[in-house]
Amino acid sequence: MIIRLLILGMLGYAAFKLYKKFSAGLFQDMTKSPKTAKDGGITNTVMDPECGVFIDTNTAYVAKINGEQQYFCGKTCADAFRQKQEQHS
């Protein structure tokens, strides 16, 4: 019985240490300040209206839909958005 408790305690401790190690890496980038144009980072971002991803306007796929310029992460999202707009019209 005591051996089982010791093994369970060691497994719990190992799981806790792994959780701390991986969670520290996941949240580390969130504490960094965003890059500015001076740093060579993204200067202007917009949200892709189809998938919700934030993209740089300098590298985005641009499409004119219903007379309005829209920015997308790629052609696939632009085509899907255009198709939805045509269905609603």
PDB file of N, CA and C in Angstrom:
ATOM      1  N   MET A   1       0.822  -1.195   0.000  1.00  0.00           N
ATOM      2  CA  MET A   1       0.000   0.000   0.000  1.00  0.00           C
ATOM      3  C   MET A   1       0.868   1.263   0.000  1.00  0.00           C
ATOM      4  N   ILE A   2       1.902   1.266   0.834  1.00  0.00           N
ATOM      5  CA  ILE A   2       2.782   2.428   0.915  1.00  0.00           C
ATOM      6  C   ILE A   2       3.573   2.581  -0.384  1.00  0.00           C
ATOM      7  N   ILE A   3       3.973   1.473  -0.961  1.00  0.00           N
ATOM      8  CA  ILE A   3       4.717   1.533  -2.217  1.00  0.00           C
ATOM      9  C   ILE A   3       3.846   2.160  -3.309  1.00  0.00           C
ATOM     10  N   ARG A   4       2.572   1.800  -3.355  1.00  0.00           N
ATOM     11  CA  ARG A   4       1.659   2.381  -4.340  1.00  0.00           C
ATOM     12  C   ARG A   4       1.544   3.893  -4.150  1.00  0.00           C
ATOM     13  N   LEU A   5       1.450   4.333  -2.913  1.00  0.00           N
ATOM     14  CA  LEU A   5       1.368   5.762  -2.638  1.00  0.00           C
ATOM     15  C   LEU A   5       2.651   6.488  -3.068  1.00  0.00           C
ATOM     16  N   LEU A   6       3.790   5.872  -2.807  1.00  0.00           N
ATOM     17  CA  LEU A   6       5.059   6.471  -3.219  1.00  0.00           C
ATOM     18  C   LEU A   6       5.147   6.575  -4.743  1.00  0.00           C
ATOM     19  N   ILE A   7       4.765   5.522  -5.432  1.00  0.00           N
ATOM     20  CA  ILE A   7       4.801   5.539  -6.893  1.00  0.00           C
ATOM     21  C   ILE A   7       3.831   6.583  -7.435  1.00  0.00           C
ATOM     22  N   LEU A   8       2.644   6.635  -6.868  1.00  0.00           N
ATOM     23  CA  LEU A   8       1.650   7.620  -7.290  1.00  0.00           C
ATOM     24  C   LEU A   8       2.155   9.045  -7.042  1.00  0.00           C
ATOM     25  N   GLY A   9       2.797   9.258  -5.914  1.00  0.00           N
ATOM     26  CA  GLY A   9       3.362  10.569  -5.606  1.00  0.00           C
ATOM     27  C   GLY A   9       4.460  10.950  -6.572  1.00  0.00           C
ATOM     28  N   MET A  10       5.336  10.007  -6.923  1.00  0.00           N
ATOM     29  CA  MET A  10       6.408  10.290  -7.878  1.00  0.00           C
ATOM     30  C   MET A  10       5.845  10.585  -9.268  1.00  0.00           C
ATOM     31  N   LEU A  11       4.817   9.866  -9.688  1.00  0.00           N
ATOM     32  CA  LEU A  11       4.195  10.122 -10.985  1.00  0.00           C
ATOM     33  C   LEU A  11       3.529  11.497 -11.003  1.00  0.00           C
ATOM     34  N   GLY A  12       2.878  11.838  -9.916  1.00  0.00           N
ATOM     35  CA  GLY A  12       2.259  13.159  -9.817  1.00  0.00           C
ATOM     36  C   GLY A  12       3.290  14.263  -9.876  1.00  0.00           C
ATOM     37  N   TYR A  13       4.388  14.097  -9.180  1.00  0.00           N
ATOM     38  CA  TYR A  13       5.459  15.080  -9.194  1.00  0.00           C
ATOM     39  C   TYR A  13       6.049  15.223 -10.598  1.00  0.00           C
ATOM     40  N   ALA A  14       6.289  14.103 -11.278  1.00  0.00           N
ATOM     41  CA  ALA A  14       6.831  14.142 -12.632  1.00  0.00           C
ATOM     42  C   ALA A  14       5.856  14.847 -13.583  1.00  0.00           C
ATOM     43  N   ALA A  15       4.555  14.567 -13.435  1.00  0.00           N
ATOM     44  CA  ALA A  15       3.552  15.217 -14.278  1.00  0.00           C
ATOM     45  C   ALA A  15       3.545  16.721 -14.016  1.00  0.00           C
ATOM     46  N   PHE A  16       3.644  17.121 -12.770  1.00  0.00           N
ATOM     47  CA  PHE A  16       3.671  18.529 -12.414  1.00  0.00           C
ATOM     48  C   PHE A  16       4.887  19.226 -13.021  1.00  0.00           C
ATOM     49  N   LYS A  17       6.048  18.605 -12.944  1.00  0.00           N
ATOM     50  CA  LYS A  17       7.271  19.193 -13.498  1.00  0.00           C
ATOM     51  C   LYS A  17       7.163  19.330 -15.022  1.00  0.00           C
ATOM     52  N   LEU A  18       6.600  18.322 -15.695  1.00  0.00           N
ATOM     53  CA  LEU A  18       6.416  18.407 -17.143  1.00  0.00           C
ATOM     54  C   LEU A  18       5.452  19.526 -17.498  1.00  0.00           C
ATOM     55  N   TYR A  19       4.372  19.641 -16.747  1.00  0.00           N
ATOM     56  CA  TYR A  19       3.392  20.709 -16.990  1.00  0.00           C
ATOM     57  C   TYR A  19       4.061  22.080 -16.848  1.00  0.00           C
ATOM     58  N   LYS A  20       4.826  22.278 -15.807  1.00  0.00           N
ATOM     59  CA  LYS A  20       5.503  23.564 -15.587  1.00  0.00           C
ATOM     60  C   LYS A  20       6.482  23.863 -16.720  1.00  0.00           C
ATOM     61  N   LYS A  21       7.198  22.838 -17.171  1.00  0.00           N
ATOM     62  CA  LYS A  21       8.187  23.032 -18.229  1.00  0.00           C
ATOM     63  C   LYS A  21       7.512  23.447 -19.535  1.00  0.00           C
ATOM     64  N   PHE A  22       6.451  22.756 -19.919  1.00  0.00           N
ATOM     65  CA  PHE A  22       5.791  23.055 -21.187  1.00  0.00           C
ATOM     66  C   PHE A  22       4.961  24.330 -21.116  1.00  0.00           C
ATOM     67  N   SER A  23       4.314  24.599 -20.002  1.00  0.00           N
ATOM     68  CA  SER A  23       3.499  25.816 -19.916  1.00  0.00           C
ATOM     69  C   SER A  23       4.377  27.070 -19.891  1.00  0.00           C
ATOM     70  N   ALA A  24       5.559  26.971 -19.353  1.00  0.00           N
ATOM     71  CA  ALA A  24       6.467  28.129 -19.348  1.00  0.00           C
ATOM     72  C   ALA A  24       6.867  28.480 -20.773  1.00  0.00           C
ATOM     73  N   GLY A  25       7.096  27.487 -21.614  1.00  0.00           N
ATOM     74  CA  GLY A  25       7.461  27.736 -22.998  1.00  0.00           C
ATOM     75  C   GLY A  25       6.309  28.285 -23.809  1.00  0.00           C
ATOM     76  N   LEU A  26       5.098  27.855 -23.499  1.00  0.00           N
ATOM     77  CA  LEU A  26       3.935  28.308 -24.259  1.00  0.00           C
ATOM     78  C   LEU A  26       3.624  29.773 -24.004  1.00  0.00           C
ATOM     79  N   PHE A  27       3.753  30.213 -22.780  1.00  0.00           N
ATOM     80  CA  PHE A  27       3.362  31.564 -22.425  1.00  0.00           C
ATOM     81  C   PHE A  27       4.517  32.559 -22.444  1.00  0.00           C
ATOM     82  N   GLN A  28       5.708  32.103 -22.724  1.00  0.00           N
ATOM     83  CA  GLN A  28       6.868  32.989 -22.726  1.00  0.00           C
ATOM     84  C   GLN A  28       6.753  34.034 -23.823  1.00  0.00           C
ATOM     85  N   ASP A  29       6.289  33.653 -25.022  1.00  0.00           N
ATOM     86  CA  ASP A  29       6.198  34.592 -26.131  1.00  0.00           C
ATOM     87  C   ASP A  29       5.141  35.658 -25.900  1.00  0.00           C
ATOM     88  N   MET A  30       4.160  35.398 -25.056  1.00  0.00           N
ATOM     89  CA  MET A  30       3.094  36.360 -24.807  1.00  0.00           C
ATOM     90  C   MET A  30       3.585  37.552 -23.997  1.00  0.00           C
ATOM     91  N   THR A  31       4.714  37.398 -23.306  1.00  0.00           N
ATOM     92  CA  THR A  31       5.223  38.480 -22.472  1.00  0.00           C
ATOM     93  C   THR A  31       6.128  39.429 -23.248  1.00  0.00           C
ATOM     94  N   LYS A  32       6.528  39.034 -24.447  1.00  0.00           N
ATOM     95  CA  LYS A  32       7.403  39.879 -25.250  1.00  0.00           C
ATOM     96  C   LYS A  32       6.589  40.997 -25.882  1.00  0.00           C
ATOM     97  N   SER A  33       7.213  42.150 -26.035  1.00  0.00           N
ATOM     98  CA  SER A  33       6.517  43.256 -26.669  1.00  0.00           C
ATOM     99  C   SER A  33       6.451  43.008 -28.169  1.00  0.00           C
ATOM    100  N   PRO A  34       5.393  43.492 -28.826  1.00  0.00           N
ATOM    101  CA  PRO A  34       5.274  43.260 -30.264  1.00  0.00           C
ATOM    102  C   PRO A  34       6.364  43.991 -31.037  1.00  0.00           C
ATOM    103  N   LYS A  35       6.745  43.424 -32.168  1.00  0.00           N
ATOM    104  CA  LYS A  35       7.770  44.046 -32.994  1.00  0.00           C
ATOM    105  C   LYS A  35       7.206  45.286 -33.660  1.00  0.00           C
ATOM    106  N   THR A  36       8.066  46.238 -33.854  1.00  0.00           N
ATOM    107  CA  THR A  36       7.664  47.468 -34.538  1.00  0.00           C
ATOM    108  C   THR A  36       8.299  47.486 -35.927  1.00  0.00           C
ATOM    109  N   ALA A  37       7.919  48.464 -36.734  1.00  0.00           N
ATOM    110  CA  ALA A  37       8.485  48.585 -38.076  1.00  0.00           C
ATOM    111  C   ALA A  37      10.000  48.758 -38.008  1.00  0.00           C
ATOM    112  N   LYS A  38      10.474  49.433 -36.966  1.00  0.00           N
ATOM    113  CA  LYS A  38      11.909  49.658 -36.799  1.00  0.00           C
ATOM    114  C   LYS A  38      12.644  48.335 -36.596  1.00  0.00           C
ATOM    115  N   ASP A  39      11.986  47.379 -35.918  1.00  0.00           N
ATOM    116  CA  ASP A  39      12.584  46.066 -35.664  1.00  0.00           C
ATOM    117  C   ASP A  39      12.475  45.146 -36.879  1.00  0.00           C
ATOM    118  N   GLY A  40      11.799  45.596 -37.934  1.00  0.00           N
ATOM    119  CA  GLY A  40      11.584  44.736 -39.089  1.00  0.00           C
ATOM    120  C   GLY A  40      10.378  43.848 -38.901  1.00  0.00           C
ATOM    121  N   GLY A  41       9.497  44.189 -37.966  1.00  0.00           N
ATOM    122  CA  GLY A  41       8.317  43.375 -37.696  1.00  0.00           C
ATOM    123  C   GLY A  41       7.133  43.787 -38.538  1.00  0.00           C
ATOM    124  N   ILE A  42       5.989  43.301 -38.169  1.00  0.00           N
ATOM    125  CA  ILE A  42       4.756  43.591 -38.887  1.00  0.00           C
ATOM    126  C   ILE A  42       4.346  45.029 -38.602  1.00  0.00           C
ATOM    127  N   THR A  43       3.977  45.751 -39.641  1.00  0.00           N
ATOM    128  CA  THR A  43       3.622  47.152 -39.468  1.00  0.00           C
ATOM    129  C   THR A  43       2.118  47.367 -39.400  1.00  0.00           C
ATOM    130  N   ASN A  44       1.338  46.598 -40.162  1.00  0.00           N
ATOM    131  CA  ASN A  44      -0.102  46.789 -40.174  1.00  0.00           C
ATOM    132  C   ASN A  44      -0.774  45.435 -40.337  1.00  0.00           C
ATOM    133  N   THR A  45      -1.575  45.055 -39.375  1.00  0.00           N
ATOM    134  CA  THR A  45      -2.238  43.761 -39.447  1.00  0.00           C
ATOM    135  C   THR A  45      -3.745  43.943 -39.573  1.00  0.00           C
ATOM    136  N   VAL A  46      -4.352  42.984 -40.227  1.00  0.00           N
ATOM    137  CA  VAL A  46      -5.803  42.927 -40.364  1.00  0.00           C
ATOM    138  C   VAL A  46      -6.234  41.487 -40.125  1.00  0.00           C
ATOM    139  N   MET A  47      -7.517  41.308 -39.839  1.00  0.00           N
ATOM    140  CA  MET A  47      -8.034  39.968 -39.601  1.00  0.00           C
ATOM    141  C   MET A  47      -8.669  39.425 -40.878  1.00  0.00           C
ATOM    142  N   ASP A  48      -8.312  38.223 -41.228  1.00  0.00           N
ATOM    143  CA  ASP A  48      -8.919  37.542 -42.362  1.00  0.00           C
ATOM    144  C   ASP A  48     -10.394  37.324 -42.026  1.00  0.00           C
ATOM    145  N   PRO A  49     -11.338  37.846 -42.853  1.00  0.00           N
ATOM    146  CA  PRO A  49     -12.753  37.728 -42.523  1.00  0.00           C
ATOM    147  C   PRO A  49     -13.294  36.300 -42.610  1.00  0.00           C
ATOM    148  N   GLU A  50     -12.556  35.405 -43.230  1.00  0.00           N
ATOM    149  CA  GLU A  50     -13.027  34.024 -43.367  1.00  0.00           C
ATOM    150  C   GLU A  50     -12.573  33.145 -42.201  1.00  0.00           C
ATOM    151  N   CYS A  51     -11.276  33.145 -41.920  1.00  0.00           N
ATOM    152  CA  CYS A  51     -10.764  32.229 -40.891  1.00  0.00           C
ATOM    153  C   CYS A  51     -10.385  32.924 -39.586  1.00  0.00           C
ATOM    154  N   GLY A  52     -10.295  34.260 -39.573  1.00  0.00           N
ATOM    155  CA  GLY A  52     -10.014  34.987 -38.347  1.00  0.00           C
ATOM    156  C   GLY A  52      -8.550  35.143 -38.000  1.00  0.00           C
ATOM    157  N   VAL A  53      -7.659  34.714 -38.876  1.00  0.00           N
ATOM    158  CA  VAL A  53      -6.221  34.829 -38.627  1.00  0.00           C
ATOM    159  C   VAL A  53      -5.789  36.274 -38.864  1.00  0.00           C
ATOM    160  N   PHE A  54      -4.887  36.781 -38.031  1.00  0.00           N
ATOM    161  CA  PHE A  54      -4.333  38.114 -38.235  1.00  0.00           C
ATOM    162  C   PHE A  54      -3.144  38.011 -39.187  1.00  0.00           C
ATOM    163  N   ILE A  55      -3.148  38.880 -40.192  1.00  0.00           N
ATOM    164  CA  ILE A  55      -2.134  38.820 -41.238  1.00  0.00           C
ATOM    165  C   ILE A  55      -1.574  40.206 -41.517  1.00  0.00           C
ATOM    166  N   ASP A  56      -0.364  40.233 -42.034  1.00  0.00           N
ATOM    167  CA  ASP A  56       0.302  41.478 -42.425  1.00  0.00           C
ATOM    168  C   ASP A  56      -0.272  41.924 -43.765  1.00  0.00           C
ATOM    169  N   THR A  57      -0.666  43.178 -43.871  1.00  0.00           N
ATOM    170  CA  THR A  57      -1.255  43.667 -45.115  1.00  0.00           C
ATOM    171  C   THR A  57      -0.253  43.667 -46.267  1.00  0.00           C
ATOM    172  N   ASN A  58       1.033  43.683 -45.964  1.00  0.00           N
ATOM    173  CA  ASN A  58       2.054  43.661 -47.012  1.00  0.00           C
ATOM    174  C   ASN A  58       2.175  42.299 -47.691  1.00  0.00           C
ATOM    175  N   THR A  59       1.809  41.232 -46.980  1.00  0.00           N
ATOM    176  CA  THR A  59       1.959  39.886 -47.532  1.00  0.00           C
ATOM    177  C   THR A  59       0.615  39.187 -47.729  1.00  0.00           C
ATOM    178  N   ALA A  60      -0.478  39.864 -47.424  1.00  0.00           N
ATOM    179  CA  ALA A  60      -1.804  39.247 -47.506  1.00  0.00           C
ATOM    180  C   ALA A  60      -2.256  39.070 -48.949  1.00  0.00           C
ATOM    181  N   TYR A  61      -3.148  38.110 -49.158  1.00  0.00           N
ATOM    182  CA  TYR A  61      -3.806  37.920 -50.452  1.00  0.00           C
ATOM    183  C   TYR A  61      -4.944  38.935 -50.500  1.00  0.00           C
ATOM    184  N   VAL A  62      -4.952  39.779 -51.514  1.00  0.00           N
ATOM    185  CA  VAL A  62      -5.936  40.857 -51.610  1.00  0.00           C
ATOM    186  C   VAL A  62      -6.954  40.514 -52.698  1.00  0.00           C
ATOM    187  N   ALA A  63      -8.232  40.660 -52.354  1.00  0.00           N
ATOM    188  CA  ALA A  63      -9.298  40.420 -53.326  1.00  0.00           C
ATOM    189  C   ALA A  63     -10.343  41.513 -53.192  1.00  0.00           C
ATOM    190  N   LYS A  64     -10.934  41.880 -54.308  1.00  0.00           N
ATOM    191  CA  LYS A  64     -12.000  42.870 -54.306  1.00  0.00           C
ATOM    192  C   LYS A  64     -13.326  42.111 -54.337  1.00  0.00           C
ATOM    193  N   ILE A  65     -14.092  42.227 -53.277  1.00  0.00           N
ATOM    194  CA  ILE A  65     -15.365  41.510 -53.154  1.00  0.00           C
ATOM    195  C   ILE A  65     -16.454  42.527 -52.870  1.00  0.00           C
ATOM    196  N   ASN A  66     -17.470  42.522 -53.719  1.00  0.00           N
ATOM    197  CA  ASN A  66     -18.574  43.492 -53.618  1.00  0.00           C
ATOM    198  C   ASN A  66     -18.046  44.929 -53.624  1.00  0.00           C
ATOM    199  N   GLY A  67     -17.017  45.175 -54.427  1.00  0.00           N
ATOM    200  CA  GLY A  67     -16.454  46.508 -54.553  1.00  0.00           C
ATOM    201  C   GLY A  67     -15.595  46.946 -53.379  1.00  0.00           C
ATOM    202  N   GLU A  68     -15.329  46.042 -52.474  1.00  0.00           N
ATOM    203  CA  GLU A  68     -14.549  46.369 -51.286  1.00  0.00           C
ATOM    204  C   GLU A  68     -13.273  45.540 -51.251  1.00  0.00           C
ATOM    205  N   GLN A  69     -12.144  46.177 -50.945  1.00  0.00           N
ATOM    206  CA  GLN A  69     -10.872  45.476 -50.861  1.00  0.00           C
ATOM    207  C   GLN A  69     -10.817  44.690 -49.555  1.00  0.00           C
ATOM    208  N   GLN A  70     -10.572  43.392 -49.671  1.00  0.00           N
ATOM    209  CA  GLN A  70     -10.495  42.511 -48.502  1.00  0.00           C
ATOM    210  C   GLN A  70      -9.125  41.843 -48.468  1.00  0.00           C
ATOM    211  N   TYR A  71      -8.617  41.606 -47.269  1.00  0.00           N
ATOM    212  CA  TYR A  71      -7.329  40.946 -47.085  1.00  0.00           C
ATOM    213  C   TYR A  71      -7.568  39.546 -46.530  1.00  0.00           C
ATOM    214  N   PHE A  72      -6.859  38.559 -47.102  1.00  0.00           N
ATOM    215  CA  PHE A  72      -7.002  37.161 -46.702  1.00  0.00           C
ATOM    216  C   PHE A  72      -5.635  36.524 -46.493  1.00  0.00           C
ATOM    217  N   CYS A  73      -5.632  35.412 -45.768  1.00  0.00           N
ATOM    218  CA  CYS A  73      -4.375  34.691 -45.560  1.00  0.00           C
ATOM    219  C   CYS A  73      -3.960  33.957 -46.832  1.00  0.00           C
ATOM    220  N   GLY A  74      -4.923  33.646 -47.695  1.00  0.00           N
ATOM    221  CA  GLY A  74      -4.610  32.958 -48.943  1.00  0.00           C
ATOM    222  C   GLY A  74      -5.808  32.911 -49.869  1.00  0.00           C
ATOM    223  N   LYS A  75      -5.585  32.354 -51.045  1.00  0.00           N
ATOM    224  CA  LYS A  75      -6.629  32.275 -52.066  1.00  0.00           C
ATOM    225  C   LYS A  75      -7.789  31.396 -51.616  1.00  0.00           C
ATOM    226  N   THR A  76      -7.513  30.338 -50.886  1.00  0.00           N
ATOM    227  CA  THR A  76      -8.565  29.433 -50.429  1.00  0.00           C
ATOM    228  C   THR A  76      -9.585  30.172 -49.566  1.00  0.00           C
ATOM    229  N   CYS A  77      -9.113  30.968 -48.619  1.00  0.00           N
ATOM    230  CA  CYS A  77     -10.021  31.731 -47.760  1.00  0.00           C
ATOM    231  C   CYS A  77     -10.772  32.787 -48.572  1.00  0.00           C
ATOM    232  N   ALA A  78     -10.088  33.412 -49.531  1.00  0.00           N
ATOM    233  CA  ALA A  78     -10.742  34.427 -50.361  1.00  0.00           C
ATOM    234  C   ALA A  78     -11.869  33.800 -51.181  1.00  0.00           C
ATOM    235  N   ASP A  79     -11.615  32.646 -51.759  1.00  0.00           N
ATOM    236  CA  ASP A  79     -12.635  31.961 -52.556  1.00  0.00           C
ATOM    237  C   ASP A  79     -13.821  31.527 -51.691  1.00  0.00           C
ATOM    238  N   ALA A  80     -13.535  31.012 -50.498  1.00  0.00           N
ATOM    239  CA  ALA A  80     -14.606  30.581 -49.594  1.00  0.00           C
ATOM    240  C   ALA A  80     -15.453  31.777 -49.154  1.00  0.00           C
ATOM    241  N   PHE A  81     -14.812  32.888 -48.857  1.00  0.00           N
ATOM    242  CA  PHE A  81     -15.534  34.096 -48.441  1.00  0.00           C
ATOM    243  C   PHE A  81     -16.389  34.625 -49.594  1.00  0.00           C
ATOM    244  N   ARG A  82     -15.823  34.646 -50.780  1.00  0.00           N
ATOM    245  CA  ARG A  82     -16.554  35.122 -51.964  1.00  0.00           C
ATOM    246  C   ARG A  82     -17.784  34.243 -52.215  1.00  0.00           C
ATOM    247  N   GLN A  83     -17.611  32.947 -52.059  1.00  0.00           N
ATOM    248  CA  GLN A  83     -18.722  32.019 -52.276  1.00  0.00           C
ATOM    249  C   GLN A  83     -19.836  32.248 -51.253  1.00  0.00           C
ATOM    250  N   LYS A  84     -19.481  32.478 -50.008  1.00  0.00           N
ATOM    251  CA  LYS A  84     -20.486  32.765 -48.968  1.00  0.00           C
ATOM    252  C   LYS A  84     -21.219  34.065 -49.261  1.00  0.00           C
ATOM    253  N   GLN A  85     -20.469  35.071 -49.735  1.00  0.00           N
ATOM    254  CA  GLN A  85     -21.089  36.357 -50.046  1.00  0.00           C
ATOM    255  C   GLN A  85     -22.075  36.217 -51.208  1.00  0.00           C
ATOM    256  N   GLU A  86     -21.732  35.409 -52.200  1.00  0.00           N
ATOM    257  CA  GLU A  86     -22.632  35.195 -53.342  1.00  0.00           C
ATOM    258  C   GLU A  86     -23.885  34.446 -52.924  1.00  0.00           C
ATOM    259  N   GLN A  87     -23.773  33.530 -51.967  1.00  0.00           N
ATOM    260  CA  GLN A  87     -24.933  32.792 -51.482  1.00  0.00           C
ATOM    261  C   GLN A  87     -25.895  33.706 -50.717  1.00  0.00           C
ATOM    262  N   HIS A  88     -25.348  34.684 -50.014  1.00  0.00           N
ATOM    263  CA  HIS A  88     -26.185  35.597 -49.225  1.00  0.00           C
ATOM    264  C   HIS A  88     -26.807  36.702 -50.066  1.00  0.00           C
ATOM    265  N   SER A  89     -26.319  36.873 -51.295  1.00  0.00           N
ATOM    266  CA  SER A  89     -26.841  37.935 -52.161  1.00  0.00           C
ATOM    267  C   SER A  89     -28.098  37.510 -52.877  1.00  0.00           C
TER     268      SER A  89
END
